[in-house]
Amino acid sequence: MKELIIIDGYNFIFNYFNLDNPTGERILILKEKLVRELGEYGHYSGSDLIVVFDGEDDKNATRVMEKENGVIIIYSRDRGSADAVIEKLANTRITYDKVFIVTSDYSQQKVVFKNNIYRKSVREFGAELRRVRRKIKEEIENMDKYKKGSFYMVEKRIRNSSKKKFSNLIRENESLTKDEKI
């Protein structure tokens, strides 16, 4: 089952990271962090992700779209709203079984409910992001444990008598190689 998750970018950043008095630099850092976390989520879950940001301050005459870490990032046109872009995207869900909109914007939620599209609040999706990040971390830790008991640590898997035999073979091979050089 293929899912599309569309995230209202600034709405998510302001609510998820609890920003009271954001600076431009801080917002930029949080945008990068959001895209990185969404990429991890998408790779793990198999969902397609689109994050939409308002383009009011970007002075773009056209909509800008880029892809980073598997996440499609869309900036609306100059003076355009992310809500309008999200609404268009939600209505063109041709190849998806489910479409989710992640926002805490009440007016956007009404549009989502009218079109029979699923909605996730920022808090709900944020909890999902954290859960997936924990699962990824656990899987990496389990892989590290597996590596320690597998072929990477041969010396821990063979008996001391076998180690001595291998050491003797290596020394004999080295002495043969030295004799051949002379």
Protein backbone atom coordinates (compact mmCIF):
# COMPACT_ATOMS: atom_id res chain seq x y z
CA MET A 1 0.00 0.00 0.00
CA LYS A 2 1.63 3.22 -1.18
CA GLU A 3 1.22 6.30 1.01
CA LEU A 4 1.86 9.96 0.33
CA ILE A 5 2.49 12.25 3.27
CA ILE A 6 2.31 15.99 2.62
CA ILE A 7 3.70 18.20 5.38
CA ASP A 8 2.92 21.87 5.91
CA GLY A 9 6.55 22.86 6.46
CA TYR A 10 6.51 26.03 8.53
CA ASN A 11 3.43 24.89 10.45
CA PHE A 12 5.26 21.72 11.38
CA ILE A 13 8.49 23.52 12.34
CA PHE A 14 6.76 26.09 14.55
CA ASN A 15 4.61 23.51 16.34
CA TYR A 16 7.02 20.56 16.55
CA PHE A 17 10.07 22.54 17.66
CA ASN A 18 7.99 24.97 19.81
CA LEU A 19 9.43 28.14 18.31
CA ASP A 20 8.43 31.33 20.09
CA ASN A 21 10.80 33.90 18.66
CA PRO A 22 12.47 32.37 15.60
CA THR A 23 15.35 33.92 13.71
CA GLY A 24 16.02 33.32 10.03
CA GLU A 25 19.11 31.25 10.76
CA ARG A 26 17.32 29.12 13.36
CA ILE A 27 14.46 28.42 10.93
CA LEU A 28 16.95 27.42 8.23
CA ILE A 29 18.66 24.96 10.60
CA LEU A 30 15.31 23.48 11.62
CA LYS A 31 14.23 23.16 7.97
CA GLU A 32 17.38 21.13 7.25
CA LYS A 33 16.80 19.00 10.34
CA LEU A 34 13.17 18.40 9.34
CA VAL A 35 14.12 17.31 5.81
CA ARG A 36 16.82 14.98 7.18
CA GLU A 37 14.38 13.38 9.65
CA LEU A 38 11.69 13.08 6.98
CA GLY A 39 14.19 11.37 4.69
CA GLU A 40 14.99 8.81 7.37
CA TYR A 41 11.28 8.30 7.99
CA GLY A 42 10.55 7.85 4.29
CA HIS A 43 13.36 5.35 3.76
CA TYR A 44 12.22 3.34 6.76
CA SER A 45 8.45 3.45 6.14
CA GLY A 46 8.43 3.35 2.34
CA SER A 47 6.14 6.39 2.21
CA ASP A 48 6.62 9.22 -0.27
CA LEU A 49 7.03 12.60 1.43
CA ILE A 50 6.44 16.13 0.24
CA VAL A 51 7.11 19.13 2.47
CA VAL A 52 5.64 22.46 1.36
CA PHE A 53 6.89 25.87 2.52
CA ASP A 54 5.38 29.30 1.95
CA GLY A 55 7.38 31.25 -0.60
CA GLU A 56 6.44 34.73 0.58
CA ASP A 57 9.95 35.93 1.38
CA ASP A 58 11.67 34.11 -1.46
CA LYS A 59 10.57 36.54 -4.21
CA ASN A 60 10.07 33.66 -6.66
CA ALA A 61 7.71 34.23 -9.56
CA THR A 62 7.33 30.48 -9.98
CA ARG A 63 7.00 27.55 -7.65
CA VAL A 64 10.36 25.99 -6.75
CA MET A 65 10.68 22.25 -6.31
CA GLU A 66 13.73 20.22 -5.30
CA LYS A 67 14.43 16.76 -3.95
CA GLU A 68 16.71 16.09 -1.02
CA ASN A 69 17.27 12.81 0.82
CA GLY A 70 14.24 11.32 -0.93
CA VAL A 71 11.94 14.15 0.19
CA ILE A 72 10.33 16.50 -2.32
CA ILE A 73 10.55 20.09 -1.10
CA ILE A 74 8.22 22.65 -2.62
CA TYR A 75 8.30 26.41 -2.09
CA SER A 76 5.10 28.16 -3.18
CA ARG A 77 5.20 31.13 -5.51
CA ASP A 78 5.93 34.63 -4.23
CA ARG A 79 3.01 35.68 -2.03
CA GLY A 80 1.55 32.20 -2.47
CA SER A 81 0.60 30.03 0.43
CA ALA A 82 1.67 26.52 1.19
CA ASP A 83 -2.00 25.74 1.91
CA ALA A 84 -2.97 26.28 -1.73
CA VAL A 85 -0.14 24.03 -2.93
CA ILE A 86 -1.06 21.36 -0.38
CA GLU A 87 -4.69 21.44 -1.49
CA LYS A 88 -3.69 20.95 -5.13
CA LEU A 89 -1.30 18.12 -4.26
CA ALA A 90 -3.89 16.37 -2.11
CA ASN A 91 -6.38 16.34 -4.96
CA THR A 92 -3.92 14.77 -7.42
CA ARG A 93 -3.36 11.51 -5.58
CA ILE A 94 -3.47 9.24 -8.61
CA THR A 95 -1.04 6.49 -7.64
CA TYR A 96 -1.47 6.47 -3.86
CA ASP A 97 -3.73 4.32 -1.72
CA LYS A 98 -3.68 6.87 1.10
CA VAL A 99 -2.79 10.54 1.30
CA PHE A 100 -2.03 12.15 4.65
CA ILE A 101 -1.75 15.87 5.34
CA VAL A 102 0.34 16.85 8.36
CA THR A 103 -0.74 20.21 9.74
CA SER A 104 -2.18 21.84 12.83
CA ASP A 105 -3.77 24.63 10.75
CA TYR A 106 -7.54 24.49 11.38
CA SER A 107 -8.58 25.91 7.99
CA GLN A 108 -6.34 23.38 6.22
CA GLN A 109 -7.85 20.59 8.31
CA LYS A 110 -11.36 21.52 7.10
CA VAL A 111 -10.23 21.25 3.47
CA VAL A 112 -8.61 17.90 4.21
CA PHE A 113 -11.76 16.50 5.81
CA LYS A 114 -13.94 17.70 2.91
CA ASN A 115 -11.85 15.83 0.37
CA ASN A 116 -11.79 12.58 2.36
CA ILE A 117 -8.05 12.77 2.86
CA TYR A 118 -6.43 11.62 6.07
CA ARG A 119 -5.04 14.15 8.49
CA LYS A 120 -2.30 13.86 11.06
CA SER A 121 -1.65 16.57 13.57
CA VAL A 122 1.87 17.85 14.01
CA ARG A 123 1.98 16.28 17.47
CA GLU A 124 0.79 12.89 16.16
CA PHE A 125 3.23 12.82 13.24
CA GLY A 126 6.04 14.15 15.46
CA ALA A 127 5.51 11.20 17.81
CA GLU A 128 5.61 8.89 14.78
CA LEU A 129 8.90 10.48 13.64
CA ARG A 130 10.44 9.97 17.07
CA ARG A 131 9.23 6.34 17.19
CA VAL A 132 10.75 5.58 13.77
CA ARG A 133 14.05 7.25 14.75
CA ARG A 134 14.16 5.05 17.89
CA LYS A 135 13.50 1.93 15.79
CA ILE A 136 16.27 2.87 13.35
CA LYS A 137 18.67 3.46 16.25
CA GLU A 138 17.75 0.07 17.78
CA GLU A 139 18.27 -1.69 14.45
CA ILE A 140 21.70 -0.09 14.05
CA GLU A 141 22.64 -1.15 17.58
CA ASN A 142 21.43 -4.69 16.86
CA MET A 143 23.50 -4.75 13.67
CA ASP A 144 26.55 -3.72 15.71
CA LYS A 145 25.89 -6.56 18.16
CA TYR A 146 25.54 -8.98 15.26
CA LYS A 147 28.81 -7.80 13.75
CA LYS A 148 30.66 -8.49 16.99
CA GLY A 149 29.54 -12.12 16.91
CA SER A 150 29.96 -12.71 13.20
CA PHE A 151 32.80 -12.96 10.73
CA TYR A 152 34.22 -9.57 11.71
CA MET A 153 35.69 -10.88 14.93
CA VAL A 154 37.28 -14.16 13.82
CA GLU A 155 39.76 -14.25 16.69
CA LYS A 156 36.85 -14.45 19.14
CA ARG A 157 35.29 -17.40 17.32
CA ILE A 158 38.26 -19.79 17.09
CA ARG A 159 40.00 -21.82 19.77
CA ASN A 160 43.43 -20.86 21.09
CA SER A 161 44.95 -24.03 19.62
CA SER A 162 43.69 -23.00 16.17
CA LYS A 163 45.11 -19.50 16.64
CA LYS A 164 48.54 -21.00 17.38
CA LYS A 165 48.35 -23.19 14.27
CA PHE A 166 47.44 -20.19 12.11
CA SER A 167 50.28 -18.15 13.63
CA ASN A 168 52.74 -20.97 12.86
CA LEU A 169 51.46 -21.21 9.27
CA ILE A 170 51.84 -17.47 8.80
CA ARG A 171 55.41 -17.54 10.17
CA GLU A 172 56.31 -20.48 7.93
CA ASN A 173 54.83 -18.69 4.93
CA GLU A 174 56.77 -15.52 5.78
CA SER A 175 60.04 -17.44 6.13
CA LEU A 176 59.42 -19.19 2.78
CA THR A 177 58.80 -15.87 1.14
CA LYS A 178 62.05 -14.45 2.60
CA ASP A 179 64.03 -17.51 1.39
CA GLU A 180 62.60 -17.10 -2.12
CA LYS A 181 63.71 -13.48 -2.24
CA ILE A 182 67.29 -14.39 -1.41
